């Protein structure tokens, strides 16, 4: 399932920097989680790395792709943010050059409830023969 990244308010100016909504999404597959913010941010993680997913209603004062010490915000909006915890952390590609480790990803999407449901749909280890509980899907 593919979920478009949300672009509202000041985030609607990101296309002026070449970040197009049509090339910005979160994709949930049975065994992979993929996040793309056009040319500026890409993450491809095994679904087994997703340990928790929850709405994130904290304040957002920046738009684009920003991170520090494993915590990353990928957004075009201050609303519709979902926090995804990854363990083990996964390397992303930022600006085509940097390869930071991501352990917590906050991403704004058009359908946050749908993304949370999709990430909770497959148990951890799906498609890899693993077993265990699925990710938590609730506030936190």
N, C-alpha and C. Protein backbone atom coordinates (compact mmCIF):
# COMPACT_ATOMS: atom_id res chain seq x y z
N UNK A 1 0.85 -1.17 0.00
CA UNK A 1 0.00 0.00 0.00
C UNK A 1 0.90 1.24 0.00
N UNK A 2 0.49 2.24 -0.74
CA UNK A 2 1.27 3.46 -0.82
C UNK A 2 0.47 4.61 -0.23
N UNK A 3 1.14 5.42 0.60
CA UNK A 3 0.54 6.55 1.28
C UNK A 3 1.29 7.82 0.90
N UNK A 4 0.60 8.76 0.24
CA UNK A 4 1.28 10.00 -0.14
C UNK A 4 1.71 10.80 1.08
N UNK A 5 2.88 11.40 1.00
CA UNK A 5 3.32 12.32 2.04
C UNK A 5 2.48 13.58 1.91
N UNK A 6 2.04 14.10 3.05
CA UNK A 6 1.15 15.26 3.09
C UNK A 6 1.94 16.55 2.88
N UNK A 7 1.41 17.41 2.02
CA UNK A 7 1.99 18.73 1.77
C UNK A 7 0.89 19.77 2.01
N UNK A 8 1.00 20.54 3.10
CA UNK A 8 0.05 21.60 3.42
C UNK A 8 0.82 22.80 3.97
N UNK A 9 0.14 23.92 4.09
CA UNK A 9 0.76 25.12 4.68
C UNK A 9 2.08 25.45 4.00
N UNK A 10 3.11 25.82 4.79
CA UNK A 10 4.41 26.15 4.21
C UNK A 10 5.05 25.00 3.43
N UNK A 11 4.66 23.77 3.73
CA UNK A 11 5.20 22.62 3.02
C UNK A 11 4.83 22.61 1.54
N UNK A 12 3.79 23.37 1.18
CA UNK A 12 3.40 23.46 -0.24
C UNK A 12 4.45 24.19 -1.07
N UNK A 13 5.42 24.82 -0.41
CA UNK A 13 6.51 25.50 -1.13
C UNK A 13 7.65 24.55 -1.48
N UNK A 14 7.66 23.34 -0.93
CA UNK A 14 8.75 22.40 -1.21
C UNK A 14 8.94 22.08 -2.69
N UNK A 15 7.88 22.07 -3.52
CA UNK A 15 8.13 21.85 -4.94
C UNK A 15 9.04 22.91 -5.58
N UNK A 16 9.10 24.09 -4.99
CA UNK A 16 10.02 25.11 -5.51
C UNK A 16 11.48 24.68 -5.34
N UNK A 17 11.72 23.75 -4.42
CA UNK A 17 13.06 23.19 -4.20
C UNK A 17 13.24 21.85 -4.93
N UNK A 18 12.26 21.49 -5.73
CA UNK A 18 12.35 20.25 -6.49
C UNK A 18 11.80 19.04 -5.77
N UNK A 19 11.13 19.23 -4.65
CA UNK A 19 10.55 18.11 -3.90
C UNK A 19 9.07 18.03 -4.27
N UNK A 20 8.75 17.11 -5.17
CA UNK A 20 7.41 17.00 -5.71
C UNK A 20 6.56 16.00 -4.92
N UNK A 21 5.33 16.38 -4.62
CA UNK A 21 4.42 15.45 -3.93
C UNK A 21 4.24 14.14 -4.70
N UNK A 22 4.23 14.18 -6.01
CA UNK A 22 4.01 12.96 -6.80
C UNK A 22 5.14 11.95 -6.64
N UNK A 23 6.27 12.37 -6.12
CA UNK A 23 7.41 11.47 -5.91
C UNK A 23 7.76 11.35 -4.42
N UNK A 24 6.74 11.53 -3.57
CA UNK A 24 6.95 11.51 -2.12
C UNK A 24 5.88 10.64 -1.48
N UNK A 25 6.29 9.54 -0.87
CA UNK A 25 5.33 8.59 -0.35
C UNK A 25 5.97 7.65 0.67
N UNK A 26 5.08 6.93 1.36
CA UNK A 26 5.47 5.81 2.23
C UNK A 26 4.80 4.59 1.62
N UNK A 27 5.58 3.53 1.44
CA UNK A 27 5.03 2.30 0.87
C UNK A 27 5.22 1.17 1.87
N UNK A 28 4.13 0.46 2.15
CA UNK A 28 4.17 -0.67 3.08
C UNK A 28 3.91 -1.94 2.27
N UNK A 29 4.90 -2.81 2.27
CA UNK A 29 4.80 -4.11 1.62
C UNK A 29 4.85 -5.18 2.71
N UNK A 30 4.60 -6.42 2.36
CA UNK A 30 4.60 -7.49 3.36
C UNK A 30 5.94 -7.60 4.08
N UNK A 31 7.04 -7.33 3.37
CA UNK A 31 8.36 -7.51 3.98
C UNK A 31 9.23 -6.26 3.95
N UNK A 32 8.72 -5.11 3.45
CA UNK A 32 9.52 -3.89 3.33
C UNK A 32 8.71 -2.67 3.72
N UNK A 33 9.40 -1.66 4.22
CA UNK A 33 8.85 -0.32 4.44
C UNK A 33 9.74 0.61 3.63
N UNK A 34 9.14 1.36 2.72
CA UNK A 34 9.91 2.30 1.90
C UNK A 34 9.35 3.70 2.09
N UNK A 35 10.26 4.65 2.26
CA UNK A 35 9.87 6.05 2.42
C UNK A 35 10.69 6.87 1.43
N UNK A 36 10.00 7.75 0.73
CA UNK A 36 10.69 8.59 -0.25
C UNK A 36 10.14 10.01 -0.17
N UNK A 37 11.04 10.98 -0.06
CA UNK A 37 10.69 12.40 -0.19
C UNK A 37 11.47 12.90 -1.41
N UNK A 38 10.94 12.54 -2.58
CA UNK A 38 11.53 12.85 -3.88
C UNK A 38 13.04 12.57 -3.85
N UNK A 39 13.86 13.53 -4.16
CA UNK A 39 15.32 13.34 -4.24
C UNK A 39 16.02 13.51 -2.89
N UNK A 40 15.31 14.06 -1.90
CA UNK A 40 16.01 14.47 -0.67
C UNK A 40 16.13 13.40 0.41
N UNK A 41 15.25 12.40 0.42
CA UNK A 41 15.29 11.39 1.48
C UNK A 41 14.74 10.07 0.95
N UNK A 42 15.46 8.98 1.25
CA UNK A 42 14.99 7.63 0.91
C UNK A 42 15.36 6.67 2.04
N UNK A 43 14.41 5.82 2.36
CA UNK A 43 14.64 4.78 3.37
C UNK A 43 13.99 3.51 2.86
N UNK A 44 14.72 2.41 2.98
CA UNK A 44 14.21 1.10 2.60
C UNK A 44 14.54 0.17 3.76
N UNK A 45 13.51 -0.22 4.51
CA UNK A 45 13.73 -0.99 5.74
C UNK A 45 12.98 -2.31 5.67
N UNK A 46 13.57 -3.36 6.25
CA UNK A 46 12.80 -4.60 6.40
C UNK A 46 11.62 -4.35 7.35
N UNK A 47 10.47 -4.92 7.05
CA UNK A 47 9.30 -4.76 7.94
C UNK A 47 9.61 -5.27 9.34
N UNK A 48 10.51 -6.23 9.42
CA UNK A 48 10.85 -6.78 10.73
C UNK A 48 11.55 -5.75 11.62
N UNK A 49 12.03 -4.64 11.06
CA UNK A 49 12.65 -3.58 11.87
C UNK A 49 11.61 -2.65 12.51
N UNK A 50 10.37 -2.68 12.03
CA UNK A 50 9.33 -1.82 12.59
C UNK A 50 8.89 -2.39 13.93
N UNK A 51 9.17 -1.67 14.99
CA UNK A 51 8.87 -2.15 16.34
C UNK A 51 7.66 -1.47 16.96
N UNK A 52 7.36 -0.25 16.54
CA UNK A 52 6.19 0.47 17.07
C UNK A 52 5.78 1.52 16.07
N UNK A 53 4.48 1.82 16.06
CA UNK A 53 3.95 2.86 15.19
C UNK A 53 2.81 3.54 15.94
N UNK A 54 2.78 4.88 15.89
CA UNK A 54 1.76 5.62 16.64
C UNK A 54 1.60 7.01 16.05
N UNK A 55 0.44 7.62 16.27
CA UNK A 55 0.29 9.02 15.86
C UNK A 55 1.27 9.88 16.66
N UNK A 56 1.74 10.96 16.06
CA UNK A 56 2.66 11.87 16.74
C UNK A 56 2.08 13.28 16.63
N UNK A 57 1.52 13.75 17.73
CA UNK A 57 0.87 15.06 17.75
C UNK A 57 1.76 16.16 18.28
N UNK A 58 3.07 15.90 18.39
CA UNK A 58 3.99 16.91 18.88
C UNK A 58 4.10 18.07 17.90
N UNK A 59 4.63 19.19 18.38
CA UNK A 59 4.76 20.36 17.51
C UNK A 59 5.75 20.12 16.36
N UNK A 60 5.42 20.64 15.19
CA UNK A 60 6.27 20.53 14.00
C UNK A 60 6.49 21.94 13.48
N UNK A 61 7.75 22.34 13.37
CA UNK A 61 8.06 23.69 12.92
C UNK A 61 9.02 23.70 11.73
N UNK A 62 9.16 22.58 11.06
CA UNK A 62 10.05 22.50 9.90
C UNK A 62 9.43 21.52 8.90
N UNK A 63 9.79 21.68 7.63
CA UNK A 63 9.24 20.84 6.58
C UNK A 63 10.37 20.40 5.67
N UNK A 64 10.31 19.16 5.23
CA UNK A 64 11.37 18.57 4.42
C UNK A 64 11.87 17.31 5.09
N UNK A 65 13.18 17.11 5.12
CA UNK A 65 13.80 15.96 5.79
C UNK A 65 14.86 16.49 6.73
N UNK A 66 14.67 16.23 8.03
CA UNK A 66 15.57 16.74 9.06
C UNK A 66 15.82 15.65 10.08
N UNK A 67 17.03 15.54 10.56
CA UNK A 67 17.30 14.53 11.57
C UNK A 67 18.55 14.82 12.36
N UNK A 68 18.62 14.13 13.52
CA UNK A 68 19.75 14.24 14.41
C UNK A 68 19.74 13.03 15.33
N UNK A 69 20.89 12.37 15.43
CA UNK A 69 21.06 11.25 16.35
C UNK A 69 20.00 10.16 16.20
N UNK A 70 19.70 9.82 14.96
CA UNK A 70 18.78 8.71 14.71
C UNK A 70 17.32 9.06 14.66
N UNK A 71 16.97 10.30 14.99
CA UNK A 71 15.56 10.72 14.96
C UNK A 71 15.36 11.61 13.74
N UNK A 72 14.44 11.23 12.84
CA UNK A 72 14.23 11.95 11.59
C UNK A 72 12.78 12.34 11.41
N UNK A 73 12.58 13.53 10.85
CA UNK A 73 11.27 14.04 10.46
C UNK A 73 11.27 14.18 8.94
N UNK A 74 10.30 13.56 8.29
CA UNK A 74 10.15 13.63 6.84
C UNK A 74 8.71 14.09 6.60
N UNK A 75 8.56 15.32 6.08
CA UNK A 75 7.21 15.86 6.00
C UNK A 75 7.09 17.03 5.04
N UNK A 76 5.85 17.28 4.66
CA UNK A 76 5.49 18.48 3.93
C UNK A 76 4.33 19.16 4.64
N UNK A 77 4.09 18.77 5.89
CA UNK A 77 2.96 19.27 6.66
C UNK A 77 3.26 19.13 8.15
N UNK A 78 2.55 19.93 8.94
CA UNK A 78 2.67 19.83 10.40
C UNK A 78 1.64 18.87 10.98
N UNK A 79 0.74 18.35 10.14
CA UNK A 79 -0.31 17.46 10.63
C UNK A 79 -0.21 16.11 9.93
N UNK A 80 -0.90 15.13 10.50
CA UNK A 80 -0.89 13.80 9.92
C UNK A 80 0.41 13.05 10.14
N UNK A 81 1.11 13.39 11.22
CA UNK A 81 2.42 12.79 11.48
C UNK A 81 2.27 11.45 12.21
N UNK A 82 3.01 10.46 11.72
CA UNK A 82 3.05 9.13 12.33
C UNK A 82 4.49 8.84 12.72
N UNK A 83 4.69 8.35 13.95
CA UNK A 83 6.03 7.98 14.42
C UNK A 83 6.22 6.48 14.24
N UNK A 84 7.34 6.12 13.61
CA UNK A 84 7.68 4.72 13.36
C UNK A 84 9.02 4.45 14.03
N UNK A 85 9.04 3.53 14.99
CA UNK A 85 10.29 3.15 15.66
C UNK A 85 10.89 1.94 14.96
N UNK A 86 12.20 2.02 14.68
CA UNK A 86 12.91 0.98 13.96
C UNK A 86 14.02 0.38 14.83
N UNK A 87 14.02 -0.94 14.94
CA UNK A 87 15.06 -1.62 15.70
C UNK A 87 15.29 -3.00 15.05
N UNK A 88 16.44 -3.23 14.49
CA UNK A 88 17.62 -2.37 14.51
C UNK A 88 17.42 -1.15 13.61
N UNK A 89 18.17 -0.07 13.90
CA UNK A 89 18.10 1.11 13.05
C UNK A 89 18.47 0.77 11.60
N UNK A 90 17.98 1.59 10.69
CA UNK A 90 18.15 1.37 9.26
C UNK A 90 18.83 2.59 8.65
N UNK A 91 19.72 2.35 7.70
CA UNK A 91 20.38 3.47 7.02
C UNK A 91 19.44 4.06 5.97
N UNK A 92 19.38 5.39 5.94
CA UNK A 92 18.62 6.11 4.92
C UNK A 92 19.63 6.76 3.97
N UNK A 93 19.11 7.33 2.92
CA UNK A 93 19.95 8.13 2.01
C UNK A 93 19.35 9.53 2.01
N UNK A 94 20.18 10.51 2.37
CA UNK A 94 19.75 11.90 2.45
C UNK A 94 20.57 12.73 1.47
N UNK A 95 19.87 13.50 0.65
CA UNK A 95 20.51 14.35 -0.36
C UNK A 95 21.39 13.56 -1.30
N UNK A 96 21.14 12.27 -1.40
CA UNK A 96 21.91 11.42 -2.30
C UNK A 96 23.29 11.07 -1.80
N UNK A 97 23.75 11.67 -0.71
CA UNK A 97 25.12 11.48 -0.24
C UNK A 97 25.23 10.90 1.16
N UNK A 98 24.48 11.45 2.09
CA UNK A 98 24.58 11.06 3.49
C UNK A 98 23.85 9.75 3.73
N UNK A 99 24.37 8.93 4.68
CA UNK A 99 23.77 7.63 4.99
C UNK A 99 23.55 7.50 6.51
N UNK A 100 22.68 8.34 7.08
CA UNK A 100 22.47 8.27 8.52
C UNK A 100 21.66 7.03 8.93
N UNK A 101 21.88 6.60 10.16
CA UNK A 101 21.06 5.53 10.74
C UNK A 101 19.79 6.17 11.30
N UNK A 102 18.66 5.53 11.02
CA UNK A 102 17.36 6.02 11.48
C UNK A 102 16.80 5.00 12.45
N UNK A 103 16.51 5.45 13.68
CA UNK A 103 15.87 4.58 14.67
C UNK A 103 14.45 5.04 14.98
N UNK A 104 14.18 6.32 14.70
CA UNK A 104 12.83 6.85 14.88
C UNK A 104 12.52 7.77 13.69
N UNK A 105 11.43 7.49 13.01
CA UNK A 105 11.03 8.26 11.84
C UNK A 105 9.65 8.84 12.09
N UNK A 106 9.54 10.14 11.99
CA UNK A 106 8.24 10.81 12.03
C UNK A 106 7.95 11.26 10.61
N UNK A 107 6.82 10.83 10.07
CA UNK A 107 6.49 11.13 8.68
C UNK A 107 5.03 11.58 8.59
N UNK A 108 4.80 12.68 7.85
CA UNK A 108 3.44 13.21 7.68
C UNK A 108 2.84 12.63 6.41
N UNK A 109 1.69 11.99 6.54
CA UNK A 109 1.03 11.38 5.39
C UNK A 109 -0.43 11.84 5.32
N UNK A 110 -1.02 11.69 4.13
CA UNK A 110 -2.42 12.08 3.94
C UNK A 110 -3.38 11.22 4.76
N UNK A 111 -3.02 9.96 5.00
CA UNK A 111 -3.89 9.03 5.72
C UNK A 111 -3.13 8.37 6.88
N UNK A 112 -2.93 9.12 7.99
CA UNK A 112 -2.15 8.54 9.09
C UNK A 112 -2.79 7.28 9.69
N UNK A 113 -4.11 7.24 9.83
CA UNK A 113 -4.76 6.04 10.39
C UNK A 113 -4.56 4.85 9.46
N UNK A 114 -4.60 5.08 8.15
CA UNK A 114 -4.38 4.00 7.19
C UNK A 114 -2.97 3.47 7.26
N UNK A 115 -1.98 4.37 7.41
CA UNK A 115 -0.59 3.94 7.53
C UNK A 115 -0.39 3.12 8.80
N UNK A 116 -0.95 3.59 9.90
CA UNK A 116 -0.82 2.85 11.16
C UNK A 116 -1.45 1.47 11.03
N UNK A 117 -2.63 1.40 10.41
CA UNK A 117 -3.29 0.11 10.22
C UNK A 117 -2.46 -0.80 9.31
N UNK A 118 -1.92 -0.25 8.23
CA UNK A 118 -1.13 -1.07 7.30
C UNK A 118 0.13 -1.60 7.97
N UNK A 119 0.78 -0.80 8.78
CA UNK A 119 1.99 -1.27 9.45
C UNK A 119 1.67 -2.30 10.52
N UNK A 120 0.48 -2.25 11.07
CA UNK A 120 0.07 -3.22 12.07
C UNK A 120 -0.50 -4.49 11.47
N UNK A 121 -0.74 -4.48 10.16
CA UNK A 121 -1.38 -5.61 9.49
C UNK A 121 -0.48 -6.82 9.37
N UNK A 122 0.82 -6.62 9.17
CA UNK A 122 1.74 -7.74 8.98
C UNK A 122 2.50 -7.98 10.27
N UNK A 123 2.57 -9.18 10.76
CA UNK A 123 3.35 -9.44 11.96
C UNK A 123 4.84 -9.23 11.70
N UNK A 124 5.56 -8.89 12.75
CA UNK A 124 7.01 -8.74 12.65
C UNK A 124 7.58 -10.04 12.10
N UNK A 125 8.44 -9.93 11.10
CA UNK A 125 9.04 -11.10 10.50
C UNK A 125 8.23 -11.67 9.35
N UNK A 126 7.12 -11.01 8.95
CA UNK A 126 6.30 -11.52 7.84
C UNK A 126 7.15 -11.63 6.59
N UNK A 127 7.01 -12.73 5.90
CA UNK A 127 7.73 -12.93 4.66
C UNK A 127 9.16 -13.42 4.87
N UNK A 128 9.60 -13.50 6.13
CA UNK A 128 10.96 -13.94 6.40
C UNK A 128 10.99 -15.20 7.23
N UNK A 129 9.80 -15.72 7.55
CA UNK A 129 9.75 -16.94 8.35
C UNK A 129 9.84 -16.66 9.83
N UNK A 130 9.95 -15.38 10.22
CA UNK A 130 10.05 -15.04 11.64
C UNK A 130 8.69 -15.06 12.29
N UNK A 131 8.69 -14.90 13.58
CA UNK A 131 7.44 -14.83 14.30
C UNK A 131 7.60 -13.83 15.43
N UNK A 132 6.49 -13.50 16.00
CA UNK A 132 6.53 -12.55 17.11
C UNK A 132 5.37 -11.59 16.99
N UNK A 133 5.22 -10.74 17.99
CA UNK A 133 4.10 -9.83 18.01
C UNK A 133 4.27 -8.75 16.95
N UNK A 134 3.15 -8.24 16.46
CA UNK A 134 3.18 -7.11 15.52
C UNK A 134 3.52 -5.84 16.26
N UNK A 135 3.74 -4.74 15.53
CA UNK A 135 4.08 -3.49 16.17
C UNK A 135 2.89 -2.93 16.94
N UNK A 136 3.20 -2.16 17.97
CA UNK A 136 2.15 -1.49 18.73
C UNK A 136 1.51 -0.44 17.85
N UNK A 137 0.21 -0.31 17.92
CA UNK A 137 -0.49 0.70 17.13
C UNK A 137 -1.38 1.47 18.08
N UNK A 138 -0.84 2.49 18.68
CA UNK A 138 -1.62 3.31 19.59
C UNK A 138 -0.80 4.48 20.07
N UNK A 139 -1.37 5.34 20.90
CA UNK A 139 -0.64 6.50 21.37
C UNK A 139 0.57 6.09 22.18
N UNK A 140 1.55 6.94 22.12
CA UNK A 140 2.73 6.57 22.89
C UNK A 140 3.81 7.42 22.59
